[in-house]
Amino acid sequence: MTINANFDLLPAAVLTVCADSKQEILQVLAHCFADTYGVDALETLESLEERERLGSTGFGRGLAIPHARIDGLMRPVAALFRLESPVDFAAADGMPVDLVVGLLSPRNAGVLHLHALAAISRMVRDDAAYEALTSAETAEALFATLTNIISSAPKGGLDRDAA
């Protein structure tokens, strides 16, 4: 399902997750991507870990956007996790993370990868949207909330190029 012009997000990739560490989140994320989108779990985990070594993808305000580029994809794909308990993700603001949006893009995606990251950032930077996502109690409610956020955004509001 193309939930946004910049990336695909299937309902099976929207989960509530119990994890105790950043590493455990990355492992669950890699397996979610493998199970949902058919990518290799080990390659995905290694690519996510490699990106984290460059610097934490803890975005701040309780959000992490772990992302990587891998072989075997035609367009970016995403996963959305609401964590049952906040986890330290080494974010710049020091806040633990309770919302994780994972993103995988084709290895040669270039600007497409950046557009997808920008779209995710715009989607969750609104306080009301963030609160609604973190308050969703089930994966189904989380997906429905995300769908409502996207559909209620101003035309092009989530898809326009980053300024």
Protein backbone atom coordinates (compact mmCIF):
# COMPACT_ATOMS: atom_id res chain seq x y z
CA MET A 1 0.00 0.00 0.00
CA THR A 2 1.41 3.36 -0.96
CA ILE A 3 0.48 5.38 2.10
CA ASN A 4 2.58 8.34 1.00
CA ALA A 5 4.02 9.33 -2.39
CA ASN A 6 7.52 8.91 -0.94
CA PHE A 7 7.32 5.45 0.65
CA ASP A 8 5.17 2.35 1.11
CA LEU A 9 3.89 1.22 4.50
CA LEU A 10 1.95 -2.02 4.83
CA PRO A 11 -0.32 -2.64 7.84
CA ALA A 12 1.82 -5.68 8.76
CA ALA A 13 4.75 -3.29 9.36
CA VAL A 14 2.86 -1.30 12.02
CA LEU A 15 3.37 -2.80 15.46
CA THR A 16 3.37 -2.17 19.16
CA VAL A 17 6.72 -3.46 20.38
CA CYS A 18 8.18 -4.42 23.73
CA ALA A 19 11.95 -3.85 23.59
CA ASP A 20 14.56 -3.10 26.23
CA SER A 21 17.34 -1.60 24.11
CA LYS A 22 18.20 0.19 20.91
CA GLN A 23 19.83 -3.01 19.62
CA GLU A 24 16.68 -5.02 20.28
CA ILE A 25 14.61 -2.41 18.42
CA LEU A 26 16.95 -2.64 15.41
CA GLN A 27 16.68 -6.45 15.46
CA VAL A 28 12.88 -6.40 15.61
CA LEU A 29 12.85 -3.76 12.88
CA ALA A 30 15.09 -5.86 10.59
CA HIS A 31 12.85 -8.92 11.06
CA CYS A 32 9.72 -6.81 10.48
CA PHE A 33 11.17 -5.53 7.20
CA ALA A 34 12.13 -9.09 6.21
CA ASP A 35 8.72 -10.55 7.05
CA THR A 36 6.73 -7.70 5.48
CA TYR A 37 8.75 -6.67 2.44
CA GLY A 38 10.83 -9.78 1.69
CA VAL A 39 14.26 -8.25 2.28
CA ASP A 40 17.14 -10.10 3.93
CA ALA A 41 16.95 -9.65 7.72
CA LEU A 42 20.70 -9.96 8.31
CA GLU A 43 21.62 -7.49 5.55
CA THR A 44 18.97 -5.10 6.85
CA LEU A 45 20.21 -5.35 10.44
CA GLU A 46 23.82 -4.83 9.35
CA SER A 47 22.83 -1.79 7.26
CA LEU A 48 20.81 -0.27 10.12
CA GLU A 49 23.68 -0.86 12.55
CA GLU A 50 26.17 0.64 10.11
CA ARG A 51 24.02 3.77 9.84
CA GLU A 52 23.73 3.99 13.65
CA ARG A 53 27.53 3.89 13.95
CA LEU A 54 27.63 7.13 11.93
CA GLY A 55 25.41 8.77 14.55
CA SER A 56 22.19 8.03 16.35
CA THR A 57 18.98 8.23 14.35
CA GLY A 58 17.27 9.33 17.55
CA PHE A 59 15.50 12.35 16.07
CA GLY A 60 14.50 13.92 19.40
CA ARG A 61 11.17 14.44 21.16
CA GLY A 62 10.80 10.68 21.69
CA LEU A 63 11.18 9.74 18.02
CA ALA A 64 13.76 7.62 16.22
CA ILE A 65 13.99 7.19 12.45
CA PRO A 66 16.45 4.33 11.86
CA HIS A 67 17.14 4.15 8.16
CA ALA A 68 19.40 2.49 5.62
CA ARG A 69 19.81 1.77 1.95
CA ILE A 70 19.89 -1.84 0.78
CA ASP A 71 19.76 -3.89 -2.40
CA GLY A 72 16.55 -5.49 -3.62
CA LEU A 73 14.03 -2.68 -3.25
CA MET A 74 12.28 -0.74 -6.00
CA ARG A 75 11.13 2.13 -3.74
CA PRO A 76 11.40 3.12 -0.06
CA VAL A 77 9.44 1.10 2.49
CA ALA A 78 8.65 1.94 6.09
CA ALA A 79 7.73 0.36 9.40
CA LEU A 80 6.11 2.09 12.38
CA PHE A 81 6.54 0.94 15.99
CA ARG A 82 4.96 2.33 19.13
CA LEU A 83 7.09 1.10 22.00
CA GLU A 84 5.35 -0.19 25.10
CA SER A 85 8.02 1.53 27.23
CA PRO A 86 10.45 4.29 26.22
CA VAL A 87 13.99 3.17 25.31
CA ASP A 88 17.25 5.12 25.29
CA PHE A 89 18.25 5.68 21.65
CA ALA A 90 21.11 8.14 22.27
CA ALA A 91 19.02 10.99 20.84
CA ALA A 92 20.60 14.45 20.75
CA ASP A 93 18.03 15.79 23.24
CA GLY A 94 18.64 12.86 25.62
CA MET A 95 14.97 11.86 25.63
CA PRO A 96 14.11 8.16 25.38
CA VAL A 97 12.22 6.98 22.33
CA ASP A 98 8.64 5.70 22.29
CA LEU A 99 7.95 6.01 18.55
CA VAL A 100 10.13 4.42 15.86
CA VAL A 101 9.69 4.92 12.12
CA GLY A 102 12.06 2.67 10.20
CA LEU A 103 12.89 3.37 6.58
CA LEU A 104 14.64 1.25 3.95
CA SER A 105 15.41 2.62 0.51
CA PRO A 106 16.99 1.17 -2.61
CA ARG A 107 20.79 1.37 -2.38
CA ASN A 108 20.97 3.92 -5.21
CA ALA A 109 17.91 5.94 -4.09
CA GLY A 110 19.80 9.19 -3.48
CA VAL A 111 17.29 12.03 -3.37
CA LEU A 112 14.35 9.62 -3.10
CA HIS A 113 15.70 8.45 0.28
CA LEU A 114 16.02 12.05 1.48
CA HIS A 115 12.49 12.89 0.33
CA ALA A 116 11.14 9.88 2.25
CA LEU A 117 13.01 10.93 5.41
CA ALA A 118 11.68 14.47 5.05
CA ALA A 119 8.12 13.19 4.60
CA ILE A 120 8.41 11.07 7.76
CA SER A 121 9.80 14.02 9.69
CA ARG A 122 6.93 16.28 8.59
CA MET A 123 4.41 13.57 9.42
CA VAL A 124 5.41 13.31 13.08
CA ARG A 125 6.70 16.76 13.99
CA ASP A 126 3.18 18.04 14.69
CA ASP A 127 2.56 17.70 18.45
CA ALA A 128 -1.05 16.55 18.03
CA ALA A 129 -0.08 13.93 15.44
CA TYR A 130 2.75 12.66 17.62
CA GLU A 131 0.48 12.45 20.67
CA ALA A 132 -2.18 10.58 18.68
CA LEU A 133 0.39 8.07 17.42
CA THR A 134 1.93 7.43 20.83
CA SER A 135 -1.53 7.08 22.40
CA ALA A 136 -2.72 4.37 19.99
CA GLU A 137 -3.09 1.21 22.03
CA THR A 138 -3.02 -1.41 19.27
CA ALA A 139 -1.25 -1.84 15.96
CA GLU A 140 -4.58 -1.47 14.17
CA ALA A 141 -5.30 1.80 15.98
CA LEU A 142 -1.77 3.00 15.19
CA PHE A 143 -2.21 2.30 11.47
CA ALA A 144 -5.65 3.95 11.44
CA THR A 145 -4.25 7.00 13.26
CA LEU A 146 -1.42 7.30 10.76
CA THR A 147 -3.84 6.98 7.86
CA ASN A 148 -5.99 9.76 9.37
CA ILE A 149 -2.96 12.01 9.86
CA ILE A 150 -1.92 11.57 6.24
CA SER A 151 -5.41 11.99 4.82
CA SER A 152 -6.08 15.15 6.87
CA ALA A 153 -2.79 16.83 5.91
CA PRO A 154 -3.06 19.77 3.54
CA LYS A 155 -2.86 18.67 -0.08
CA GLY A 156 0.80 17.91 -0.66
CA GLY A 157 1.54 18.65 2.99
CA LEU A 158 3.41 15.42 3.57
CA ASP A 159 4.74 14.95 0.06
CA ARG A 160 6.29 18.26 -0.85
CA ASP A 161 10.03 18.53 -1.09
CA ALA A 162 11.94 19.52 2.00
CA ALA A 163 12.78 23.20 2.08
